[in-house]
Protein backbone atom coordinates (compact mmCIF):
# COMPACT_ATOMS: atom_id res chain seq x y z
CA MET A 1 72.00 113.20 -20.31
CA SER A 2 75.51 112.57 -19.06
CA HIS A 3 77.41 114.12 -16.20
CA ARG A 4 80.61 113.40 -14.43
CA GLY A 5 79.92 110.22 -12.36
CA SER A 6 76.38 109.81 -13.33
CA GLN A 7 74.08 109.03 -16.39
CA THR A 8 70.47 109.97 -16.58
CA LEU A 9 67.95 108.60 -19.03
CA ARG A 10 64.62 110.06 -19.53
CA LEU A 11 61.99 108.50 -21.88
CA GLY A 12 58.47 109.93 -21.91
CA ALA A 13 55.24 109.00 -23.59
CA LEU A 14 56.08 105.50 -24.76
CA ALA A 15 52.99 104.38 -26.69
CA ARG A 16 53.17 100.55 -26.74
CA VAL A 17 52.15 99.76 -23.20
CA GLU A 18 48.85 100.83 -21.53
CA GLY A 19 49.26 103.33 -18.73
CA GLU A 20 51.74 105.80 -17.30
CA ALA A 21 54.61 105.05 -14.91
CA ALA A 22 58.32 105.72 -14.23
CA LEU A 23 61.26 103.44 -14.03
CA HIS A 24 64.16 104.34 -11.79
CA LEU A 25 67.39 102.50 -11.89
CA THR A 26 70.38 103.05 -9.61
CA ILE A 27 73.72 101.51 -10.83
CA HIS A 28 76.93 101.56 -8.69
CA ASP A 29 80.18 99.97 -9.84
CA ARG A 30 78.33 98.29 -12.77
CA ALA A 31 75.86 96.75 -10.36
CA VAL A 32 72.12 97.49 -10.22
CA VAL A 33 71.42 98.37 -6.59
CA GLU A 34 67.80 99.66 -6.99
CA THR A 35 64.90 99.16 -9.33
CA LYS A 36 61.58 100.99 -8.91
CA LEU A 37 58.60 100.75 -11.24
CA GLY A 38 56.72 103.83 -10.12
CA ILE A 39 53.09 104.06 -11.20
CA TYR A 40 52.22 107.71 -10.89
CA GLU A 41 48.75 107.78 -12.34
CA PRO A 42 46.11 109.15 -9.87
CA PRO A 43 44.37 106.46 -8.03
CA ARG A 44 40.92 105.57 -9.53
CA PHE A 45 39.12 104.50 -6.36
CA PHE A 46 36.84 101.89 -7.94
CA GLU A 47 36.83 99.84 -4.69
CA ALA A 48 35.72 102.93 -2.73
CA PHE A 49 32.92 104.16 -4.85
CA LEU A 50 31.41 100.69 -5.21
CA VAL A 51 30.75 100.67 -1.53
CA GLY A 52 27.08 101.51 -0.94
CA ARG A 53 26.02 100.44 -4.45
CA GLY A 54 23.61 97.58 -5.14
CA HIS A 55 24.91 94.04 -5.59
CA HIS A 56 23.67 94.05 -9.17
CA GLU A 57 25.95 97.00 -10.21
CA PRO A 58 29.58 95.76 -10.21
CA PRO A 59 29.49 94.06 -13.67
CA ASP A 60 28.64 97.52 -15.30
CA ILE A 61 30.81 99.53 -13.07
CA THR A 62 33.96 97.35 -12.92
CA ALA A 63 33.93 97.06 -16.74
CA ARG A 64 34.85 100.72 -16.95
CA ILE A 65 38.22 99.92 -15.22
CA CYS A 66 39.57 98.65 -18.45
CA GLY A 67 38.73 99.43 -22.14
CA ILE A 68 40.83 96.46 -23.33
CA CYS A 69 39.69 93.76 -20.86
CA PRO A 70 36.25 94.77 -19.54
CA VAL A 71 34.86 91.22 -19.78
CA ALA A 72 37.49 90.01 -17.35
CA TYR A 73 36.15 92.51 -14.77
CA GLN A 74 32.51 91.73 -15.60
CA MET A 75 32.87 87.94 -15.34
CA THR A 76 34.93 88.08 -12.20
CA SER A 77 32.47 90.39 -10.48
CA CYS A 78 29.49 88.28 -11.59
CA GLN A 79 30.96 85.08 -10.12
CA ALA A 80 31.99 86.74 -6.83
CA VAL A 81 28.58 88.25 -6.24
CA GLU A 82 26.75 85.16 -7.30
CA ARG A 83 28.87 82.91 -4.96
CA ALA A 84 27.99 85.34 -2.11
CA CYS A 85 24.23 84.89 -3.02
CA GLY A 86 24.45 81.10 -3.46
CA VAL A 87 23.76 81.10 -7.16
CA THR A 88 25.59 78.97 -9.77
CA VAL A 89 25.28 79.83 -13.44
CA ASP A 90 25.83 76.83 -15.63
CA GLY A 91 24.94 75.16 -18.83
CA SER A 92 24.50 77.29 -21.91
CA LEU A 93 24.70 80.57 -19.99
CA ALA A 94 28.10 79.55 -18.62
CA ASP A 95 29.19 78.52 -22.20
CA LEU A 96 28.02 81.99 -23.49
CA ARG A 97 30.08 83.65 -20.80
CA ARG A 98 33.13 81.67 -21.72
CA LEU A 99 32.56 82.49 -25.35
CA LEU A 100 32.54 86.14 -24.48
CA TYR A 101 35.68 85.86 -22.48
CA LEU A 102 37.45 84.05 -25.37
CA GLY A 103 36.49 86.90 -27.60
CA GLU A 104 38.21 89.33 -25.24
CA TRP A 105 41.32 87.01 -25.10
CA ILE A 106 41.50 86.89 -28.94
CA GLU A 107 41.24 90.71 -29.41
CA SER A 108 43.43 91.62 -26.61
CA GLN A 109 46.28 89.10 -27.25
CA ALA A 110 46.19 89.86 -31.02
CA LEU A 111 46.49 93.57 -30.24
CA HIS A 112 49.55 93.04 -28.03
CA ILE A 113 51.26 90.63 -30.36
CA HIS A 114 51.06 92.63 -33.55
CA LEU A 115 50.81 96.26 -32.55
CA LEU A 116 52.61 96.43 -29.24
CA HIS A 117 55.25 93.57 -28.97
CA ALA A 118 56.25 92.43 -32.44
CA PRO A 119 58.02 95.75 -33.34
CA ASP A 120 60.47 95.25 -30.62
CA PHE A 121 61.72 92.06 -32.31
CA LEU A 122 61.79 93.49 -35.79
CA GLY A 123 63.56 96.76 -35.19
CA HIS A 124 60.63 99.13 -35.57
CA PRO A 125 59.48 101.97 -33.27
CA SER A 126 55.76 101.34 -33.87
CA ALA A 127 53.23 99.01 -35.78
CA VAL A 128 53.00 101.78 -38.40
CA GLU A 129 56.60 101.25 -39.46
CA LEU A 130 56.21 97.49 -39.11
CA ALA A 131 53.23 97.59 -41.46
CA ARG A 132 55.24 99.35 -44.13
CA GLU A 133 57.68 96.44 -44.14
CA GLN A 134 55.40 93.55 -43.17
CA ARG A 135 51.91 94.72 -44.03
CA PRO A 136 50.43 91.12 -44.54
CA ALA A 137 51.55 90.27 -40.95
CA VAL A 138 49.83 93.34 -39.46
CA GLU A 139 46.66 92.94 -41.51
CA ARG A 140 46.60 89.28 -40.32
CA GLY A 141 46.79 90.37 -36.73
CA LEU A 142 43.97 92.97 -37.26
CA ARG A 143 41.81 90.20 -38.77
CA VAL A 144 42.33 87.98 -35.73
CA LYS A 145 41.52 90.99 -33.45
CA GLN A 146 38.46 91.80 -35.32
CA ALA A 147 37.20 88.28 -35.04
CA GLY A 148 37.50 88.67 -31.20
CA ASN A 149 35.66 91.95 -31.41
CA ALA A 150 32.89 90.43 -33.43
CA ILE A 151 32.25 87.88 -30.64
CA MET A 152 32.16 90.65 -28.04
CA GLU A 153 29.75 92.73 -30.09
CA GLN A 154 27.40 89.87 -30.86
CA ILE A 155 27.27 88.48 -27.26
CA GLY A 156 28.22 91.58 -25.31
CA GLY A 157 26.37 94.22 -27.17
CA ARG A 158 29.52 96.05 -28.04
CA ALA A 159 33.28 95.43 -28.21
CA ILE A 160 34.25 98.04 -25.65
CA HIS A 161 32.46 97.98 -22.17
CA PRO A 162 29.85 95.40 -23.19
CA VAL A 163 26.31 96.29 -22.06
CA ASN A 164 24.58 92.95 -22.49
CA VAL A 165 26.17 91.32 -19.40
CA ARG A 166 24.22 91.35 -16.15
CA LEU A 167 24.24 89.42 -12.93
CA GLY A 168 23.08 85.86 -13.43
CA GLY A 169 23.75 85.90 -17.21
CA PHE A 170 22.72 88.31 -19.99
CA HIS A 171 19.93 90.75 -20.81
CA ARG A 172 19.53 88.84 -24.15
CA VAL A 173 21.02 85.64 -25.54
CA PRO A 174 21.80 85.03 -29.25
CA THR A 175 20.15 82.50 -31.49
CA PRO A 176 22.26 79.83 -33.15
CA VAL A 177 21.49 81.61 -36.51
CA GLU A 178 23.09 84.72 -35.11
CA LEU A 179 26.25 82.94 -34.07
CA GLY A 180 26.64 81.44 -37.52
CA PRO A 181 28.58 84.18 -39.12
CA LEU A 182 31.00 84.18 -36.12
CA ALA A 183 31.89 80.56 -36.95
CA GLU A 184 32.85 81.43 -40.46
CA ARG A 185 34.92 84.22 -39.28
CA LEU A 186 36.63 82.10 -36.66
CA ARG A 187 37.56 79.42 -39.08
CA ARG A 188 39.51 81.95 -41.05
CA ALA A 189 40.95 83.37 -37.82
CA HIS A 190 42.18 79.90 -36.83
CA ASP A 191 44.45 79.73 -39.81
CA ASP A 192 45.64 83.18 -39.15
CA ALA A 193 46.39 82.34 -35.66
CA LEU A 194 48.38 79.41 -36.57
CA ASP A 195 50.35 81.58 -39.12
CA THR A 196 50.91 84.01 -36.25
CA VAL A 197 52.60 81.34 -34.16
CA ARG A 198 54.98 80.43 -36.94
CA TRP A 199 55.74 83.99 -37.49
CA VAL A 200 56.57 84.96 -33.99
CA SER A 201 58.38 81.61 -33.31
CA GLY A 202 61.00 82.77 -35.86
CA PHE A 203 61.95 85.95 -33.99
CA ASP A 204 65.25 86.28 -32.37
CA PHE A 205 64.92 85.82 -28.56
CA PRO A 206 67.52 87.11 -26.11
CA ASP A 207 68.50 84.64 -23.34
CA ALA A 208 66.56 85.55 -20.30
CA ARG A 209 64.82 83.72 -17.41
CA TYR A 210 62.25 84.52 -14.91
CA ASP A 211 63.07 82.40 -11.85
CA GLY A 212 60.31 83.52 -9.41
CA GLN A 213 57.01 82.03 -8.67
CA LEU A 214 54.32 81.67 -11.32
CA LEU A 215 50.55 82.05 -10.40
CA ALA A 216 47.58 81.04 -12.48
CA LEU A 217 44.29 79.28 -12.14
CA ARG A 218 44.02 75.56 -12.65
CA ASP A 219 40.90 73.93 -14.06
CA PRO A 220 41.59 70.27 -14.64
CA GLY A 221 40.38 69.11 -18.10
CA ARG A 222 40.50 72.55 -19.81
CA TYR A 223 42.65 75.61 -20.19
CA ALA A 224 41.69 77.77 -17.20
CA ILE A 225 40.08 81.07 -18.24
CA ASP A 226 36.81 81.81 -16.33
CA SER A 227 37.28 79.60 -13.33
CA GLY A 228 39.83 77.42 -11.43
CA THR A 229 42.01 77.05 -8.39
CA PRO A 230 44.96 79.40 -7.83
CA THR A 231 48.01 77.32 -8.37
CA VAL A 232 51.63 78.26 -7.92
CA ILE A 233 54.56 76.97 -9.90
CA MET A 234 57.50 77.23 -7.61
CA ASP A 235 60.68 79.02 -8.53
CA THR A 236 63.48 76.95 -9.92
CA ALA A 237 67.32 77.01 -9.85
CA VAL A 238 68.89 79.39 -12.30
CA ASP A 239 70.74 76.65 -14.03
CA ALA A 240 67.73 74.50 -14.60
CA PRO A 241 66.53 73.87 -18.15
CA ALA A 242 63.95 76.34 -19.36
CA GLU A 243 61.43 73.72 -20.15
CA GLN A 244 61.87 71.84 -16.87
CA THR A 245 58.71 70.61 -15.33
CA ALA A 246 58.20 72.37 -11.96
CA SER A 247 56.42 71.43 -8.74
CA ALA A 248 53.09 73.12 -7.99
CA ARG A 249 50.83 73.77 -5.06
CA SER A 250 47.32 75.19 -4.95
CA PHE A 251 45.10 76.94 -2.40
CA PRO A 252 41.30 77.82 -2.45
CA VAL A 253 40.32 81.10 -4.02
CA GLN A 254 38.77 82.14 -0.71
CA ASP A 255 42.28 82.03 0.75
CA PHE A 256 43.60 84.27 -1.93
CA GLU A 257 44.20 87.25 0.36
CA GLU A 258 45.98 85.19 2.91
CA HIS A 259 48.67 84.35 0.26
CA VAL A 260 48.73 87.34 -2.06
CA VAL A 261 49.22 90.32 0.30
CA GLU A 262 49.04 93.85 -0.99
CA ARG A 263 50.97 96.80 0.39
CA GLN A 264 51.64 100.44 -0.47
CA VAL A 265 55.08 101.64 -1.53
CA SER A 266 56.12 105.32 -1.76
CA HIS A 267 56.99 105.14 -5.51
CA SER A 268 53.67 103.84 -6.81
CA THR A 269 49.99 104.85 -6.59
CA ALA A 270 49.05 101.21 -7.19
CA LEU A 271 49.33 98.64 -4.47
CA VAL A 272 52.01 96.00 -4.94
CA SER A 273 51.56 92.42 -4.18
CA GLU A 274 53.67 89.60 -2.87
CA LEU A 275 52.77 85.79 -2.83
CA ASP A 276 53.73 84.31 0.54
CA GLY A 277 56.32 87.07 1.02
CA ARG A 278 57.93 86.77 -2.48
CA HIS A 279 57.45 88.26 -5.89
CA HIS A 280 55.39 86.39 -8.46
CA LEU A 281 54.28 86.49 -12.04
CA THR A 282 50.84 86.06 -13.50
CA GLY A 283 49.88 85.92 -17.21
CA SER A 284 50.62 83.79 -20.23
CA LEU A 285 53.89 82.20 -18.99
CA ALA A 286 52.17 81.24 -15.63
CA ARG A 287 49.10 79.83 -17.41
CA PHE A 288 51.18 77.86 -19.90
CA ALA A 289 53.03 76.31 -16.96
CA VAL A 290 49.88 75.41 -15.07
CA SER A 291 47.45 74.50 -17.79
CA GLY A 292 49.49 73.94 -20.96
CA ARG A 293 48.51 70.28 -21.08
CA TRP A 294 44.86 71.16 -21.63
CA LEU A 295 45.39 73.40 -24.68
CA HIS A 296 43.24 72.63 -27.71
CA PRO A 297 44.96 69.91 -29.84
CA SER A 298 45.81 72.48 -32.61
CA ALA A 299 47.40 74.82 -30.08
CA LEU A 300 49.37 71.97 -28.42
CA THR A 301 50.75 71.11 -31.87
CA ALA A 302 51.56 74.70 -32.44
CA ALA A 303 53.38 75.04 -29.14
CA ARG A 304 55.49 72.05 -29.86
CA GLU A 305 56.36 73.18 -33.33
CA ALA A 306 57.25 76.71 -32.06
CA GLY A 307 59.93 75.33 -29.70
CA LEU A 308 57.98 75.68 -26.39
CA GLY A 309 58.43 72.07 -25.49
CA ASP A 310 55.62 69.61 -24.94
CA PRO A 311 52.90 71.07 -22.72
CA SER A 312 51.26 67.73 -22.26
CA GLU A 313 54.44 66.62 -20.46
CA GLY A 314 54.61 69.75 -18.23
CA ALA A 315 56.82 72.01 -20.28
CA VAL A 316 57.42 75.32 -18.68
CA CYS A 317 58.60 78.47 -20.59
CA ARG A 318 60.33 81.07 -18.28
CA ASN A 319 61.85 83.37 -20.91
CA PRO A 320 59.86 86.61 -20.84
CA PHE A 321 60.82 87.43 -24.46
CA ARG A 322 59.30 84.29 -25.59
CA SER A 323 55.91 85.30 -23.96
CA ILE A 324 54.87 86.52 -27.34
CA VAL A 325 54.88 82.97 -28.69
CA VAL A 326 52.96 81.77 -25.67
CA ARG A 327 50.34 84.44 -26.30
CA ALA A 328 50.13 83.39 -30.02
CA VAL A 329 49.50 79.77 -28.90
CA GLU A 330 46.68 81.10 -26.49
CA VAL A 331 45.01 82.99 -29.38
CA THR A 332 45.00 79.70 -31.34
CA HIS A 333 43.45 77.92 -28.40
CA ALA A 334 40.88 80.64 -27.85
CA VAL A 335 39.77 80.67 -31.47
CA ALA A 336 39.52 76.88 -31.64
CA GLU A 337 37.49 76.63 -28.47
CA ALA A 338 35.29 79.51 -29.50
CA LEU A 339 34.45 77.46 -32.52
CA GLN A 340 33.60 74.46 -30.48
CA LEU A 341 31.26 76.48 -28.24
CA ILE A 342 29.45 77.99 -31.12
CA GLU A 343 29.00 74.66 -32.89
CA SER A 344 27.51 73.04 -29.73
CA TYR A 345 25.42 76.06 -28.63
CA THR A 346 21.83 75.55 -27.59
CA PRO A 347 19.99 78.66 -26.25
CA PRO A 348 19.24 78.55 -22.57
CA PRO A 349 15.58 78.61 -21.47
CA ARG A 350 16.10 81.97 -19.82
CA PRO A 351 18.66 84.66 -20.55
CA TYR A 352 19.63 84.99 -16.83
CA ALA A 353 19.23 83.35 -13.49
CA ASP A 354 17.79 85.31 -10.59
CA VAL A 355 20.27 86.37 -7.91
CA PRO A 356 18.45 87.59 -4.81
CA PRO A 357 20.80 89.31 -2.23
CA ARG A 358 21.77 87.96 1.04
CA ARG A 359 24.27 88.97 3.70
CA ALA A 360 27.46 87.14 2.79
CA THR A 361 30.89 87.41 1.20
CA GLY A 362 31.83 86.15 -2.15
CA CYS A 363 35.08 85.97 -3.99
CA ALA A 364 36.19 84.78 -7.40
CA ALA A 365 39.25 84.72 -9.73
CA THR A 366 39.46 84.40 -13.54
CA GLU A 367 42.23 84.79 -16.07
CA ALA A 368 42.42 88.14 -17.67
CA PRO A 369 44.67 88.27 -20.84
CA ARG A 370 47.33 89.78 -18.54
CA GLY A 371 46.85 87.32 -15.67
CA LEU A 372 44.88 86.33 -12.67
CA LEU A 373 42.22 88.85 -11.53
CA TYR A 374 40.64 88.54 -8.12
CA HIS A 375 37.41 90.18 -6.79
CA ARG A 376 35.82 89.91 -3.28
CA TYR A 377 32.43 91.56 -2.26
CA ASP A 378 30.96 91.83 1.22
CA ILE A 379 27.23 92.15 0.73
CA ASP A 380 24.36 93.16 3.22
CA ALA A 381 20.98 91.51 3.30
CA ASP A 382 19.41 94.14 1.12
CA GLY A 383 22.15 93.82 -1.46
CA THR A 384 24.28 96.87 -0.50
CA LEU A 385 27.94 96.42 -1.07
CA ARG A 386 29.81 96.90 2.29
CA THR A 387 33.45 96.30 1.32
CA VAL A 388 35.09 95.56 -2.02
CA ARG A 389 38.69 94.21 -2.91
CA LEU A 390 39.87 94.02 -6.54
CA VAL A 391 43.43 92.78 -7.32
CA PRO A 392 44.38 93.06 -10.99
CA PRO A 393 47.19 91.23 -12.53
CA THR A 394 49.50 94.08 -13.36
CA ALA A 395 49.53 95.21 -9.65
CA GLN A 396 50.65 91.73 -8.79
CA ASN A 397 53.25 91.74 -11.50
CA GLN A 398 55.00 95.01 -10.43
CA THR A 399 57.55 93.51 -8.16
CA ALA A 400 58.24 90.68 -10.69
CA ILE A 401 58.82 93.25 -13.36
CA GLU A 402 61.19 95.19 -11.12
CA HIS A 403 63.04 91.85 -10.39
CA ASP A 404 63.14 90.86 -14.19
CA LEU A 405 64.52 94.37 -15.11
CA ARG A 406 67.18 94.11 -12.42
CA CYS A 407 68.23 90.83 -13.71
CA GLN A 408 68.33 91.71 -17.28
CA VAL A 409 70.21 95.01 -16.83
CA GLN A 410 72.59 93.28 -14.52
CA SER A 411 73.25 90.61 -17.10
CA ARG A 412 74.12 93.21 -19.70
CA LEU A 413 76.42 95.02 -17.19
CA ASP A 414 78.30 91.88 -16.48
CA MET A 415 79.26 91.44 -20.14
CA PRO A 416 83.01 92.06 -20.80
CA GLY A 417 83.86 95.35 -22.59
CA ALA A 418 82.67 98.88 -22.35
CA PRO A 419 79.53 99.53 -20.23
CA PRO A 420 76.25 99.70 -22.16
CA SER A 421 75.30 103.02 -23.71
CA THR A 422 72.27 105.11 -22.63
CA THR A 423 70.54 103.90 -25.80
CA GLU A 424 71.38 100.27 -25.21
CA LEU A 425 69.97 100.36 -21.65
CA THR A 426 66.85 102.34 -22.69
CA THR A 427 66.09 99.85 -25.38
CA LEU A 428 66.62 96.86 -23.04
CA CYS A 429 64.25 98.29 -20.34
CA GLU A 430 61.65 99.19 -22.82
CA ARG A 431 61.62 95.60 -24.18
CA ALA A 432 61.86 93.99 -20.77
CA VAL A 433 58.67 95.89 -19.62
CA ARG A 434 56.77 95.22 -22.71
CA ASN A 435 57.37 91.46 -22.35
CA HIS A 436 54.98 91.52 -19.59
CA ASP A 437 52.30 93.59 -21.35
CA PRO A 438 51.43 95.64 -18.28
CA CYS A 439 47.98 97.40 -18.28
CA ILE A 440 48.54 100.19 -15.89
CA SER A 441 45.44 102.14 -16.54
CA CYS A 442 44.53 101.19 -19.90
CA SER A 443 45.67 104.54 -21.40
CA ALA A 444 48.22 105.05 -24.13
CA HIS A 445 51.54 105.87 -22.61
CA PHE A 446 53.92 104.19 -20.18
CA LEU A 447 57.45 104.84 -19.33
CA ASP A 448 59.75 107.62 -17.93
CA LEU A 449 63.11 105.89 -17.30
CA THR A 450 65.78 107.44 -15.01
CA VAL A 451 69.10 105.74 -14.52
CA ASP A 452 71.56 107.01 -11.92
CA ASP A 453 75.14 105.66 -12.55
CA ARG A 454 77.19 106.51 -9.50
């Protein structure tokens, strides 16, 4: 809608990002002066209604926060409570947990790549239209996703909100024979994953750069997923090469809340976060920067061939549009590692370790598909939860997304010639948001966009 001296864009019910929110841009004299990503869904109060529950309940309750990444919440809550209770789950039980987590990575990343993100690069409004033109590519993505779902069903009991996870391990563990069909499926999925990397690496990527801090876990010797130390890749100069190796610093997970501070803003029902007073980004780009050298060899080769540089030498990708390539590389890694875990699997002597309660505080962080997820539980001697803190990746990424949108819109406004049209700005903003794959509430719709040009 256009008026004298102003321009207003309204876009509702965008169905390729999970959740609902509004984006407000204010432009004056071809300069972006304000960017607000307003999450307007009602608060869900999981932290509040966990208080007073038993210490064994968070894995089942927090899984309901997200239908796409329930395992991330289950694994993080298990580790945090177990640390409070002085229990370490290791050996085959830990391997099974990682295998389950890898299944979630495979299905979630494959979904984002093929159904949510790829249409942006190929000029289609949805995966349905994309499938009419590139049916084999979409079918390949669905096969990979189904392989991840199969892992979750076998180990977790079902693909959505798994029911086999419990504090200390699982209610039941599989036999090697039961895992055999998964291996066959994953071998085919590995070929599909490599083909996906080749496919997305051929897309046309606009020039863009996220110059803020990157935050991910670091677990030396392997690609951090279910454990690690929070590590920050510092922001770099705007004119630095995109693949430049950056300096890093780490801090203990128990100090997470001293560094990542949440606050309420008037335009969002979700808390926003800052890392030591500045915006930061979690997710695939951050993980690749921190842990890329520990990718599976097939994923390392795929990353090099896709033009991401050499992760073994500390390559960093800061172009949000190329996050789709990094996600495809991560899928390749997840499939390959899942195969290794299945081939080396030996059933544990018991399906779970006992986790008796004690009065203590426990915290943990893992890497959900969309980024670093943090949980803290304060527990009474009888196992009652006293306080709970959950910090999801999308809440952390809000200010980074706002910053990225501001930069990308401003870059377009700075181009010579006529100012961008309403359609151009809308398309740019949609694509910029989807680069970060925000999971606002794991529902179906995302964006209302309003641009004031005054």
